[in-house]
N, C-alpha and C. Protein backbone atom coordinates (compact mmCIF):
# COMPACT_ATOMS: atom_id res chain seq x y z
N MET A 1 27.80 -12.30 -39.89
CA MET A 1 26.77 -12.18 -38.88
C MET A 1 25.66 -11.32 -39.44
N TRP A 2 24.45 -11.75 -39.26
CA TRP A 2 23.29 -10.98 -39.71
C TRP A 2 22.48 -10.57 -38.50
N TRP A 3 21.81 -9.51 -38.63
CA TRP A 3 20.94 -9.07 -37.55
C TRP A 3 19.61 -8.70 -38.13
N SER A 4 18.63 -8.87 -37.33
CA SER A 4 17.29 -8.41 -37.70
C SER A 4 17.06 -7.16 -36.87
N ARG A 5 16.68 -6.14 -37.51
CA ARG A 5 16.41 -4.92 -36.78
C ARG A 5 14.92 -4.62 -36.83
N ASN A 6 14.33 -4.57 -35.69
CA ASN A 6 12.93 -4.18 -35.61
C ASN A 6 12.96 -2.66 -35.59
N SER A 7 12.77 -2.06 -36.76
CA SER A 7 13.05 -0.63 -36.90
C SER A 7 12.01 0.26 -36.25
N GLN A 8 10.90 -0.27 -35.86
CA GLN A 8 9.90 0.57 -35.20
C GLN A 8 10.19 0.53 -33.70
N ALA A 9 10.71 1.62 -33.21
CA ALA A 9 11.20 1.60 -31.83
C ALA A 9 10.12 1.72 -30.78
N SER A 10 8.90 1.89 -31.16
CA SER A 10 7.83 1.96 -30.18
C SER A 10 6.51 1.83 -30.85
N ALA A 11 5.58 1.23 -30.16
CA ALA A 11 4.21 1.10 -30.70
C ALA A 11 3.57 2.48 -30.82
N THR A 12 4.03 3.41 -30.04
CA THR A 12 3.43 4.75 -30.07
C THR A 12 4.34 5.78 -30.70
N GLY A 13 5.45 5.35 -31.28
CA GLY A 13 6.36 6.28 -31.96
C GLY A 13 7.72 6.29 -31.33
N LEU A 14 8.70 6.76 -32.09
CA LEU A 14 10.06 6.78 -31.62
C LEU A 14 10.20 7.78 -30.47
N HIS A 15 10.92 7.39 -29.48
CA HIS A 15 11.21 8.29 -28.38
C HIS A 15 12.55 7.91 -27.78
N TYR A 16 13.17 8.81 -27.14
CA TYR A 16 14.44 8.57 -26.51
C TYR A 16 14.27 8.52 -25.00
N GLY A 17 15.18 7.91 -24.33
CA GLY A 17 15.12 7.81 -22.89
C GLY A 17 14.71 6.45 -22.47
N GLY A 18 13.49 6.05 -22.81
CA GLY A 18 13.03 4.72 -22.47
C GLY A 18 13.18 4.39 -21.00
N VAL A 19 13.50 3.14 -20.74
CA VAL A 19 13.72 2.66 -19.38
C VAL A 19 15.20 2.28 -19.23
N THR A 20 15.60 2.03 -18.01
CA THR A 20 16.95 1.60 -17.77
C THR A 20 17.11 0.14 -18.22
N VAL A 21 18.33 -0.29 -18.38
CA VAL A 21 18.60 -1.69 -18.74
C VAL A 21 18.04 -2.62 -17.68
N GLU A 22 18.18 -2.25 -16.43
CA GLU A 22 17.71 -3.07 -15.32
C GLU A 22 16.18 -3.19 -15.36
N GLU A 23 15.48 -2.08 -15.60
CA GLU A 23 14.02 -2.11 -15.68
C GLU A 23 13.59 -2.97 -16.89
N CYS A 24 14.28 -2.81 -17.99
CA CYS A 24 13.95 -3.58 -19.17
C CYS A 24 14.16 -5.06 -18.95
N GLN A 25 15.25 -5.41 -18.25
CA GLN A 25 15.53 -6.83 -17.95
C GLN A 25 14.39 -7.42 -17.11
N LYS A 26 13.85 -6.65 -16.19
CA LYS A 26 12.71 -7.11 -15.40
C LYS A 26 11.50 -7.31 -16.28
N MET A 27 11.29 -6.42 -17.24
CA MET A 27 10.17 -6.55 -18.17
C MET A 27 10.36 -7.80 -19.06
N ILE A 28 11.58 -8.07 -19.47
CA ILE A 28 11.86 -9.28 -20.24
C ILE A 28 11.51 -10.50 -19.41
N HIS A 29 11.94 -10.49 -18.17
CA HIS A 29 11.65 -11.64 -17.28
C HIS A 29 10.12 -11.84 -17.17
N LYS A 30 9.42 -10.73 -17.03
CA LYS A 30 7.94 -10.81 -16.94
C LYS A 30 7.34 -11.32 -18.23
N CYS A 31 7.87 -10.92 -19.36
CA CYS A 31 7.26 -11.35 -20.63
C CYS A 31 7.49 -12.85 -20.91
N LEU A 32 8.41 -13.47 -20.21
CA LEU A 32 8.64 -14.90 -20.37
C LEU A 32 7.45 -15.72 -19.94
N LYS A 33 6.51 -15.07 -19.23
CA LYS A 33 5.28 -15.76 -18.79
C LYS A 33 4.17 -15.61 -19.83
N ASN A 34 4.39 -14.76 -20.84
CA ASN A 34 3.41 -14.56 -21.89
C ASN A 34 3.23 -15.85 -22.69
N GLN A 35 1.98 -16.21 -23.00
CA GLN A 35 1.68 -17.50 -23.65
C GLN A 35 2.38 -17.61 -25.02
N LYS A 36 2.38 -16.55 -25.81
CA LYS A 36 3.00 -16.59 -27.12
C LYS A 36 4.53 -16.72 -26.99
N VAL A 37 5.12 -16.03 -26.03
CA VAL A 37 6.57 -16.16 -25.81
C VAL A 37 6.91 -17.58 -25.39
N LYS A 38 6.14 -18.13 -24.43
CA LYS A 38 6.39 -19.49 -23.99
C LYS A 38 6.24 -20.48 -25.13
N PHE A 39 5.20 -20.30 -25.96
CA PHE A 39 4.98 -21.20 -27.10
C PHE A 39 6.16 -21.13 -28.07
N LEU A 40 6.63 -19.95 -28.39
CA LEU A 40 7.75 -19.81 -29.32
C LEU A 40 9.03 -20.43 -28.76
N MET A 41 9.27 -20.25 -27.49
CA MET A 41 10.45 -20.86 -26.86
C MET A 41 10.35 -22.40 -26.90
N GLU A 42 9.16 -22.94 -26.65
CA GLU A 42 8.94 -24.39 -26.73
C GLU A 42 9.17 -24.88 -28.14
N GLN A 43 8.71 -24.13 -29.13
CA GLN A 43 8.88 -24.52 -30.53
C GLN A 43 10.35 -24.47 -30.93
N MET A 44 11.10 -23.51 -30.40
CA MET A 44 12.53 -23.46 -30.66
C MET A 44 13.19 -24.73 -30.13
N GLU A 45 12.82 -25.12 -28.94
CA GLU A 45 13.40 -26.33 -28.33
C GLU A 45 13.04 -27.57 -29.13
N LYS A 46 11.76 -27.68 -29.57
CA LYS A 46 11.33 -28.81 -30.38
C LYS A 46 12.05 -28.86 -31.75
N SER A 47 12.49 -27.71 -32.20
CA SER A 47 13.20 -27.62 -33.48
C SER A 47 14.71 -27.83 -33.32
N GLY A 48 15.11 -28.13 -32.08
CA GLY A 48 16.54 -28.41 -31.86
C GLY A 48 17.36 -27.20 -31.46
N CYS A 49 16.70 -26.13 -31.08
CA CYS A 49 17.41 -24.91 -30.69
C CYS A 49 16.93 -24.42 -29.35
N PRO A 50 17.20 -25.17 -28.29
CA PRO A 50 16.73 -24.72 -26.97
C PRO A 50 17.45 -23.39 -26.60
N ILE A 51 16.69 -22.55 -25.94
CA ILE A 51 17.26 -21.26 -25.56
C ILE A 51 17.06 -21.04 -24.06
N SER A 52 18.02 -20.36 -23.49
CA SER A 52 17.91 -20.02 -22.06
C SER A 52 17.39 -18.59 -21.95
N THR A 53 17.09 -18.18 -20.77
CA THR A 53 16.64 -16.83 -20.54
C THR A 53 17.75 -15.83 -20.85
N LYS A 54 19.00 -16.25 -20.83
CA LYS A 54 20.15 -15.38 -21.16
C LYS A 54 20.20 -15.07 -22.65
N PHE A 55 19.41 -15.79 -23.45
CA PHE A 55 19.33 -15.59 -24.89
C PHE A 55 18.71 -14.22 -25.20
N ILE A 56 17.91 -13.72 -24.24
CA ILE A 56 17.19 -12.45 -24.43
C ILE A 56 17.71 -11.48 -23.37
N THR A 57 18.36 -10.42 -23.81
CA THR A 57 18.95 -9.47 -22.85
C THR A 57 18.59 -8.05 -23.20
N ALA A 58 18.57 -7.23 -22.18
CA ALA A 58 18.34 -5.79 -22.35
C ALA A 58 19.67 -5.08 -22.54
N VAL A 59 19.67 -4.15 -23.47
CA VAL A 59 20.87 -3.33 -23.73
C VAL A 59 20.43 -1.91 -24.09
N ARG A 60 21.39 -0.99 -24.07
CA ARG A 60 21.17 0.35 -24.60
C ARG A 60 21.67 0.33 -26.01
N CYS A 61 20.87 0.78 -26.94
CA CYS A 61 21.21 0.70 -28.36
C CYS A 61 21.55 2.07 -28.92
N LYS A 62 22.55 2.09 -29.84
CA LYS A 62 22.91 3.32 -30.52
C LYS A 62 22.02 3.54 -31.71
N GLN A 63 21.69 2.45 -32.43
CA GLN A 63 20.82 2.59 -33.61
C GLN A 63 19.39 2.75 -33.15
N ARG A 64 18.56 3.37 -34.03
CA ARG A 64 17.17 3.63 -33.70
C ARG A 64 16.35 2.37 -33.97
N CYS A 65 16.26 1.52 -33.01
CA CYS A 65 15.44 0.31 -33.15
C CYS A 65 15.03 -0.16 -31.75
N SER A 66 14.08 -1.03 -31.72
CA SER A 66 13.58 -1.51 -30.43
C SER A 66 14.19 -2.86 -30.05
N GLY A 67 14.73 -3.59 -31.01
CA GLY A 67 15.35 -4.84 -30.72
C GLY A 67 16.00 -5.46 -31.95
N THR A 68 16.87 -6.41 -31.71
CA THR A 68 17.54 -7.11 -32.78
C THR A 68 17.70 -8.59 -32.42
N TYR A 69 17.77 -9.39 -33.45
CA TYR A 69 18.17 -10.78 -33.29
C TYR A 69 19.51 -10.93 -34.02
N VAL A 70 20.50 -11.49 -33.33
CA VAL A 70 21.81 -11.70 -33.90
C VAL A 70 22.12 -13.16 -33.83
N ARG A 71 22.32 -13.80 -35.01
CA ARG A 71 22.62 -15.23 -35.05
C ARG A 71 23.82 -15.51 -34.17
N GLY A 72 23.70 -16.52 -33.31
CA GLY A 72 24.79 -16.91 -32.44
C GLY A 72 24.85 -16.14 -31.12
N LEU A 73 24.18 -15.00 -31.07
CA LEU A 73 24.20 -14.19 -29.84
C LEU A 73 22.87 -14.13 -29.14
N GLY A 74 21.79 -14.07 -29.91
CA GLY A 74 20.47 -14.02 -29.33
C GLY A 74 19.74 -12.73 -29.62
N ILE A 75 18.83 -12.40 -28.73
CA ILE A 75 17.96 -11.25 -28.88
C ILE A 75 18.43 -10.14 -27.96
N ARG A 76 18.53 -8.95 -28.51
CA ARG A 76 18.88 -7.76 -27.74
C ARG A 76 17.69 -6.82 -27.77
N VAL A 77 17.19 -6.46 -26.61
CA VAL A 77 16.07 -5.56 -26.47
C VAL A 77 16.59 -4.19 -26.07
N CYS A 78 16.26 -3.18 -26.86
CA CYS A 78 16.83 -1.82 -26.67
C CYS A 78 16.02 -1.05 -25.64
N SER A 79 16.54 -1.04 -24.42
CA SER A 79 15.83 -0.42 -23.27
C SER A 79 15.57 1.07 -23.52
N ASN A 80 16.48 1.76 -24.19
CA ASN A 80 16.35 3.20 -24.33
C ASN A 80 15.30 3.62 -25.35
N TYR A 81 14.66 2.68 -26.01
CA TYR A 81 13.58 3.01 -26.95
C TYR A 81 12.23 2.42 -26.51
N LEU A 82 12.18 1.87 -25.32
CA LEU A 82 10.96 1.23 -24.85
C LEU A 82 10.56 1.79 -23.48
N ARG A 83 9.24 1.86 -23.27
CA ARG A 83 8.76 2.38 -21.98
C ARG A 83 7.80 1.46 -21.29
N PHE A 84 7.08 0.63 -22.04
CA PHE A 84 5.97 -0.15 -21.49
C PHE A 84 6.20 -1.66 -21.64
N GLN A 85 5.58 -2.40 -20.74
CA GLN A 85 5.68 -3.85 -20.78
C GLN A 85 5.25 -4.41 -22.11
N ASP A 86 4.14 -3.92 -22.61
CA ASP A 86 3.61 -4.44 -23.91
C ASP A 86 4.64 -4.26 -25.03
N GLU A 87 5.34 -3.15 -25.01
CA GLU A 87 6.35 -2.90 -26.06
C GLU A 87 7.47 -3.94 -25.98
N VAL A 88 7.94 -4.20 -24.76
CA VAL A 88 9.01 -5.18 -24.57
C VAL A 88 8.54 -6.57 -25.02
N THR A 89 7.37 -6.95 -24.59
CA THR A 89 6.81 -8.26 -24.97
C THR A 89 6.70 -8.34 -26.47
N GLN A 90 6.23 -7.30 -27.10
CA GLN A 90 6.06 -7.30 -28.59
C GLN A 90 7.41 -7.48 -29.27
N VAL A 91 8.43 -6.79 -28.83
CA VAL A 91 9.76 -6.92 -29.39
C VAL A 91 10.28 -8.35 -29.22
N VAL A 92 10.11 -8.89 -28.05
CA VAL A 92 10.60 -10.27 -27.80
C VAL A 92 9.89 -11.25 -28.71
N ILE A 93 8.60 -11.13 -28.88
CA ILE A 93 7.85 -12.03 -29.78
C ILE A 93 8.35 -11.88 -31.22
N HIS A 94 8.48 -10.66 -31.69
CA HIS A 94 8.96 -10.40 -33.05
C HIS A 94 10.33 -11.04 -33.27
N GLU A 95 11.23 -10.82 -32.36
CA GLU A 95 12.60 -11.34 -32.53
C GLU A 95 12.64 -12.86 -32.33
N LEU A 96 11.77 -13.40 -31.49
CA LEU A 96 11.72 -14.86 -31.34
C LEU A 96 11.28 -15.54 -32.65
N ILE A 97 10.42 -14.88 -33.42
CA ILE A 97 10.00 -15.42 -34.70
C ILE A 97 11.21 -15.44 -35.64
N HIS A 98 12.06 -14.42 -35.61
CA HIS A 98 13.29 -14.44 -36.38
C HIS A 98 14.21 -15.60 -35.94
N ALA A 99 14.33 -15.76 -34.63
CA ALA A 99 15.19 -16.82 -34.12
C ALA A 99 14.64 -18.19 -34.50
N TYR A 100 13.35 -18.34 -34.46
CA TYR A 100 12.69 -19.60 -34.88
C TYR A 100 12.98 -19.88 -36.34
N ASP A 101 12.83 -18.85 -37.20
CA ASP A 101 13.12 -19.02 -38.63
C ASP A 101 14.57 -19.41 -38.86
N ASP A 102 15.47 -18.77 -38.11
CA ASP A 102 16.88 -19.09 -38.24
C ASP A 102 17.15 -20.52 -37.83
N CYS A 103 16.45 -21.02 -36.84
CA CYS A 103 16.60 -22.38 -36.35
C CYS A 103 16.05 -23.41 -37.34
N ARG A 104 14.86 -23.19 -37.86
CA ARG A 104 14.20 -24.20 -38.66
C ARG A 104 14.68 -24.27 -40.10
N ALA A 105 15.31 -23.23 -40.64
CA ALA A 105 15.71 -23.20 -42.03
C ALA A 105 17.23 -23.39 -42.13
N ALA A 106 17.64 -24.53 -42.59
CA ALA A 106 19.08 -24.83 -42.69
C ALA A 106 19.79 -23.93 -43.71
N ASN A 107 19.08 -23.47 -44.69
CA ASN A 107 19.72 -22.68 -45.74
C ASN A 107 19.35 -21.19 -45.70
N LEU A 108 18.90 -20.72 -44.57
CA LEU A 108 18.52 -19.32 -44.44
C LEU A 108 19.74 -18.42 -44.58
N ASN A 109 19.71 -17.53 -45.55
CA ASN A 109 20.80 -16.62 -45.84
C ASN A 109 20.35 -15.21 -45.49
N TRP A 110 20.78 -14.74 -44.35
CA TRP A 110 20.32 -13.43 -43.89
C TRP A 110 20.86 -12.28 -44.75
N ALA A 111 21.87 -12.54 -45.55
CA ALA A 111 22.38 -11.49 -46.45
C ALA A 111 21.49 -11.33 -47.68
N SER A 112 20.65 -12.31 -47.96
CA SER A 112 19.74 -12.23 -49.10
C SER A 112 18.57 -11.33 -48.78
N CYS A 113 18.30 -10.36 -49.67
CA CYS A 113 17.19 -9.44 -49.44
C CYS A 113 15.87 -10.19 -49.46
N ALA A 114 15.75 -11.23 -50.28
CA ALA A 114 14.50 -12.02 -50.33
C ALA A 114 14.30 -12.79 -49.04
N HIS A 115 15.35 -13.39 -48.51
CA HIS A 115 15.23 -14.10 -47.23
C HIS A 115 14.90 -13.13 -46.10
N HIS A 116 15.57 -11.98 -46.12
CA HIS A 116 15.31 -10.96 -45.10
C HIS A 116 13.86 -10.49 -45.19
N ALA A 117 13.37 -10.26 -46.43
CA ALA A 117 11.99 -9.84 -46.61
C ALA A 117 11.03 -10.88 -46.06
N CYS A 118 11.29 -12.13 -46.35
CA CYS A 118 10.41 -13.21 -45.85
C CYS A 118 10.37 -13.21 -44.31
N ALA A 119 11.56 -13.10 -43.73
CA ALA A 119 11.62 -13.11 -42.24
C ALA A 119 10.86 -11.94 -41.65
N GLU A 120 10.98 -10.77 -42.26
CA GLU A 120 10.27 -9.59 -41.74
C GLU A 120 8.75 -9.67 -41.97
N ILE A 121 8.34 -10.21 -43.09
CA ILE A 121 6.92 -10.43 -43.35
C ILE A 121 6.33 -11.34 -42.28
N ARG A 122 7.01 -12.46 -42.05
CA ARG A 122 6.53 -13.43 -41.06
C ARG A 122 6.48 -12.83 -39.66
N ALA A 123 7.54 -12.12 -39.30
CA ALA A 123 7.59 -11.55 -37.93
C ALA A 123 6.54 -10.49 -37.74
N ALA A 124 6.32 -9.63 -38.73
CA ALA A 124 5.30 -8.60 -38.59
C ALA A 124 3.90 -9.21 -38.55
N HIS A 125 3.70 -10.25 -39.36
CA HIS A 125 2.37 -10.87 -39.45
C HIS A 125 2.04 -11.71 -38.23
N LEU A 126 3.02 -12.49 -37.74
CA LEU A 126 2.73 -13.45 -36.67
C LEU A 126 2.91 -12.91 -35.27
N SER A 127 3.60 -11.80 -35.12
CA SER A 127 3.92 -11.29 -33.78
C SER A 127 2.80 -10.45 -33.18
N GLY A 128 1.92 -9.93 -34.02
CA GLY A 128 0.91 -9.00 -33.53
C GLY A 128 1.31 -7.56 -33.71
N ASP A 129 2.45 -7.33 -34.38
CA ASP A 129 2.91 -5.95 -34.63
C ASP A 129 1.82 -5.12 -35.30
N CYS A 130 1.00 -5.77 -36.11
CA CYS A 130 -0.01 -5.04 -36.92
C CYS A 130 -1.42 -5.16 -36.36
N HIS A 131 -1.53 -5.48 -35.11
CA HIS A 131 -2.86 -5.52 -34.47
C HIS A 131 -3.50 -4.16 -34.62
N TYR A 132 -4.79 -4.15 -34.80
CA TYR A 132 -5.54 -2.91 -35.05
C TYR A 132 -5.30 -1.84 -33.98
N ILE A 133 -5.25 -2.25 -32.73
CA ILE A 133 -5.04 -1.29 -31.63
C ILE A 133 -3.66 -0.65 -31.75
N ARG A 134 -2.61 -1.43 -32.08
CA ARG A 134 -1.27 -0.88 -32.25
C ARG A 134 -1.24 0.11 -33.40
N GLU A 135 -1.90 -0.25 -34.47
CA GLU A 135 -1.95 0.66 -35.65
C GLU A 135 -2.72 1.94 -35.27
N LEU A 136 -3.76 1.81 -34.51
CA LEU A 136 -4.52 2.99 -34.07
C LEU A 136 -3.63 3.91 -33.23
N LEU A 137 -2.88 3.32 -32.30
CA LEU A 137 -1.96 4.11 -31.44
C LEU A 137 -0.86 4.76 -32.24
N ARG A 138 -0.39 4.12 -33.31
CA ARG A 138 0.65 4.70 -34.16
C ARG A 138 0.09 5.81 -35.04
N GLY A 139 -1.24 5.85 -35.20
CA GLY A 139 -1.85 6.85 -36.06
C GLY A 139 -1.84 6.49 -37.52
N THR A 140 -1.62 5.22 -37.83
CA THR A 140 -1.51 4.80 -39.21
C THR A 140 -2.85 4.26 -39.73
N VAL A 141 -3.84 4.12 -38.83
CA VAL A 141 -5.16 3.69 -39.22
C VAL A 141 -6.16 4.46 -38.34
N LYS A 142 -7.34 4.72 -38.86
CA LYS A 142 -8.35 5.47 -38.10
C LYS A 142 -9.46 4.53 -37.68
N LEU A 143 -10.22 4.93 -36.68
CA LEU A 143 -11.38 4.17 -36.27
C LEU A 143 -12.25 3.90 -37.49
N GLY A 144 -12.71 2.69 -37.62
CA GLY A 144 -13.58 2.32 -38.72
C GLY A 144 -12.84 1.85 -39.96
N GLU A 145 -11.51 1.95 -39.96
CA GLU A 145 -10.71 1.53 -41.12
C GLU A 145 -10.11 0.16 -40.90
N LEU A 146 -10.83 -0.73 -40.29
CA LEU A 146 -10.32 -2.05 -39.97
C LEU A 146 -10.05 -2.89 -41.20
N ARG A 147 -10.88 -2.79 -42.20
CA ARG A 147 -10.80 -3.63 -43.38
C ARG A 147 -9.48 -3.43 -44.13
N GLY A 148 -8.70 -4.53 -44.23
CA GLY A 148 -7.50 -4.53 -45.04
C GLY A 148 -6.27 -3.87 -44.42
N HIS A 149 -6.37 -3.44 -43.18
CA HIS A 149 -5.22 -2.73 -42.58
C HIS A 149 -4.05 -3.69 -42.31
N GLU A 150 -4.30 -4.93 -41.95
CA GLU A 150 -3.24 -5.82 -41.48
C GLU A 150 -2.22 -6.14 -42.57
N PRO A 151 -2.61 -6.60 -43.75
CA PRO A 151 -1.60 -6.85 -44.80
C PRO A 151 -0.82 -5.58 -45.20
N GLU A 152 -1.52 -4.44 -45.23
CA GLU A 152 -0.83 -3.19 -45.54
C GLU A 152 0.22 -2.85 -44.50
N CYS A 153 -0.15 -3.07 -43.24
CA CYS A 153 0.79 -2.81 -42.13
C CYS A 153 1.99 -3.75 -42.24
N VAL A 154 1.72 -5.03 -42.46
CA VAL A 154 2.80 -6.01 -42.57
C VAL A 154 3.76 -5.59 -43.69
N ARG A 155 3.20 -5.23 -44.83
CA ARG A 155 4.04 -4.82 -45.98
C ARG A 155 4.85 -3.58 -45.64
N ARG A 156 4.22 -2.60 -45.01
CA ARG A 156 4.89 -1.33 -44.64
C ARG A 156 6.05 -1.59 -43.65
N ARG A 157 5.77 -2.36 -42.61
CA ARG A 157 6.77 -2.61 -41.57
C ARG A 157 7.89 -3.50 -42.07
N ALA A 158 7.56 -4.51 -42.85
CA ALA A 158 8.59 -5.40 -43.38
C ALA A 158 9.47 -4.64 -44.36
N THR A 159 8.85 -3.82 -45.21
CA THR A 159 9.64 -3.02 -46.18
C THR A 159 10.59 -2.09 -45.45
N ARG A 160 10.12 -1.44 -44.42
CA ARG A 160 10.96 -0.51 -43.65
C ARG A 160 12.14 -1.25 -43.03
N SER A 161 11.89 -2.44 -42.50
CA SER A 161 12.99 -3.19 -41.88
C SER A 161 14.00 -3.67 -42.91
N VAL A 162 13.51 -4.15 -44.05
CA VAL A 162 14.45 -4.63 -45.09
C VAL A 162 15.27 -3.46 -45.64
N ARG A 163 14.63 -2.30 -45.77
CA ARG A 163 15.36 -1.11 -46.24
C ARG A 163 16.49 -0.70 -45.29
N GLY A 164 16.40 -1.15 -44.05
CA GLY A 164 17.49 -0.89 -43.07
C GLY A 164 18.69 -1.75 -43.34
N ASN A 165 18.58 -2.74 -44.21
CA ASN A 165 19.67 -3.61 -44.57
C ASN A 165 20.49 -2.91 -45.66
N PRO A 166 21.77 -2.65 -45.42
CA PRO A 166 22.58 -1.92 -46.40
C PRO A 166 22.70 -2.64 -47.74
N ARG A 167 22.40 -3.91 -47.80
CA ARG A 167 22.49 -4.68 -49.05
C ARG A 167 21.23 -4.49 -49.91
N CYS A 168 20.17 -3.93 -49.32
CA CYS A 168 18.88 -3.92 -50.01
C CYS A 168 18.47 -2.48 -50.38
N SER A 169 18.65 -2.13 -51.63
CA SER A 169 18.23 -0.83 -52.11
C SER A 169 16.70 -0.80 -52.17
N GLU A 170 16.17 0.36 -52.46
CA GLU A 170 14.71 0.52 -52.53
C GLU A 170 14.11 -0.44 -53.58
N ILE A 171 14.72 -0.48 -54.78
CA ILE A 171 14.16 -1.31 -55.83
C ILE A 171 14.36 -2.81 -55.53
N ILE A 172 15.50 -3.18 -54.96
CA ILE A 172 15.71 -4.58 -54.60
C ILE A 172 14.75 -5.01 -53.50
N THR A 173 14.52 -4.13 -52.55
CA THR A 173 13.54 -4.42 -51.48
C THR A 173 12.16 -4.64 -52.06
N LYS A 174 11.74 -3.77 -52.98
CA LYS A 174 10.42 -3.89 -53.59
C LYS A 174 10.29 -5.20 -54.34
N LEU A 175 11.33 -5.56 -55.12
CA LEU A 175 11.28 -6.82 -55.86
C LEU A 175 11.29 -8.03 -54.92
N ALA A 176 12.10 -7.96 -53.89
CA ALA A 176 12.16 -9.05 -52.90
C ALA A 176 10.82 -9.24 -52.23
N MET A 177 10.20 -8.16 -51.82
CA MET A 177 8.90 -8.24 -51.16
C MET A 177 7.86 -8.86 -52.10
N GLN A 178 7.86 -8.44 -53.37
CA GLN A 178 6.89 -8.99 -54.35
C GLN A 178 7.12 -10.49 -54.56
N SER A 179 8.39 -10.88 -54.64
CA SER A 179 8.69 -12.28 -54.98
C SER A 179 8.36 -13.25 -53.85
N VAL A 180 8.39 -12.81 -52.60
CA VAL A 180 8.16 -13.75 -51.48
C VAL A 180 6.84 -13.54 -50.75
N TRP A 181 6.11 -12.47 -51.09
CA TRP A 181 4.95 -12.09 -50.31
C TRP A 181 3.98 -13.24 -50.06
N ASP A 182 3.45 -13.86 -51.10
CA ASP A 182 2.41 -14.88 -50.93
C ASP A 182 2.88 -16.04 -50.07
N THR A 183 4.06 -16.55 -50.39
CA THR A 183 4.59 -17.72 -49.66
C THR A 183 4.82 -17.36 -48.17
N CYS A 184 5.46 -16.25 -47.93
CA CYS A 184 5.86 -15.90 -46.57
C CYS A 184 4.71 -15.40 -45.72
N TYR A 185 3.79 -14.64 -46.31
CA TYR A 185 2.63 -14.14 -45.57
C TYR A 185 1.75 -15.32 -45.16
N ASN A 186 1.68 -16.34 -45.97
CA ASN A 186 0.83 -17.49 -45.68
C ASN A 186 1.53 -18.60 -44.88
N ASP A 187 2.81 -18.43 -44.60
CA ASP A 187 3.55 -19.39 -43.78
C ASP A 187 3.36 -18.98 -42.32
N THR A 188 2.60 -19.76 -41.63
CA THR A 188 2.30 -19.40 -40.23
C THR A 188 3.02 -20.25 -39.19
N LYS A 189 3.92 -21.10 -39.63
CA LYS A 189 4.65 -21.96 -38.66
C LYS A 189 5.40 -21.08 -37.67
N PRO A 190 5.41 -21.42 -36.42
CA PRO A 190 4.98 -22.67 -35.78
C PRO A 190 3.51 -22.65 -35.36
N PHE A 191 2.79 -21.60 -35.70
CA PHE A 191 1.38 -21.51 -35.35
C PHE A 191 0.55 -22.28 -36.39
N ASP A 192 -0.62 -22.78 -36.00
CA ASP A 192 -1.50 -23.41 -36.95
C ASP A 192 -2.11 -22.41 -37.92
N LYS A 193 -2.35 -21.20 -37.40
CA LYS A 193 -2.84 -20.10 -38.22
C LYS A 193 -2.28 -18.82 -37.61
N ALA A 194 -2.37 -17.74 -38.35
CA ALA A 194 -1.85 -16.46 -37.81
C ALA A 194 -2.62 -16.10 -36.55
N PRO A 195 -1.88 -15.82 -35.46
CA PRO A 195 -2.52 -15.46 -34.19
C PRO A 195 -3.28 -14.15 -34.24
């Protein structure tokens, strides 16, 4: 079993407490109306992997992350690391991209650091994780530093997530990221272009 860990527990930084599982479940239900979430769920169905709303559930997590995708189980959203609707929606979108990749690629090997790197590059790039406003709120970019921030953010976030994989040492992660960067960063499926 492989899991994708979205290691950034909040758009505004790690915090404990978050919301209750029940509150988070309501936020998940609300995010199902988001256009990007609806589009990704439709694309999953078109790819032969229809999902129900039970595929995405709120849980309290022990590990420091905001959400995970687990093959065969679905998406788990970590209520104790999230406070706002936008954070929950962002996690769901990120993890749905992982689920989509898992569905569309018959030979996807989540134990491979290169495959993991590709999945994290795509999820960070296509989910909006690296939107300028989110980066500004994180304090990783300053006003006026718009130029070139997005690829740097994708690389930083994907690297951090892959480093969370016990199979991927620092050097293996770096090599994996280099080997798949161009192909995976430019793969925008199921979108026509990066949103």
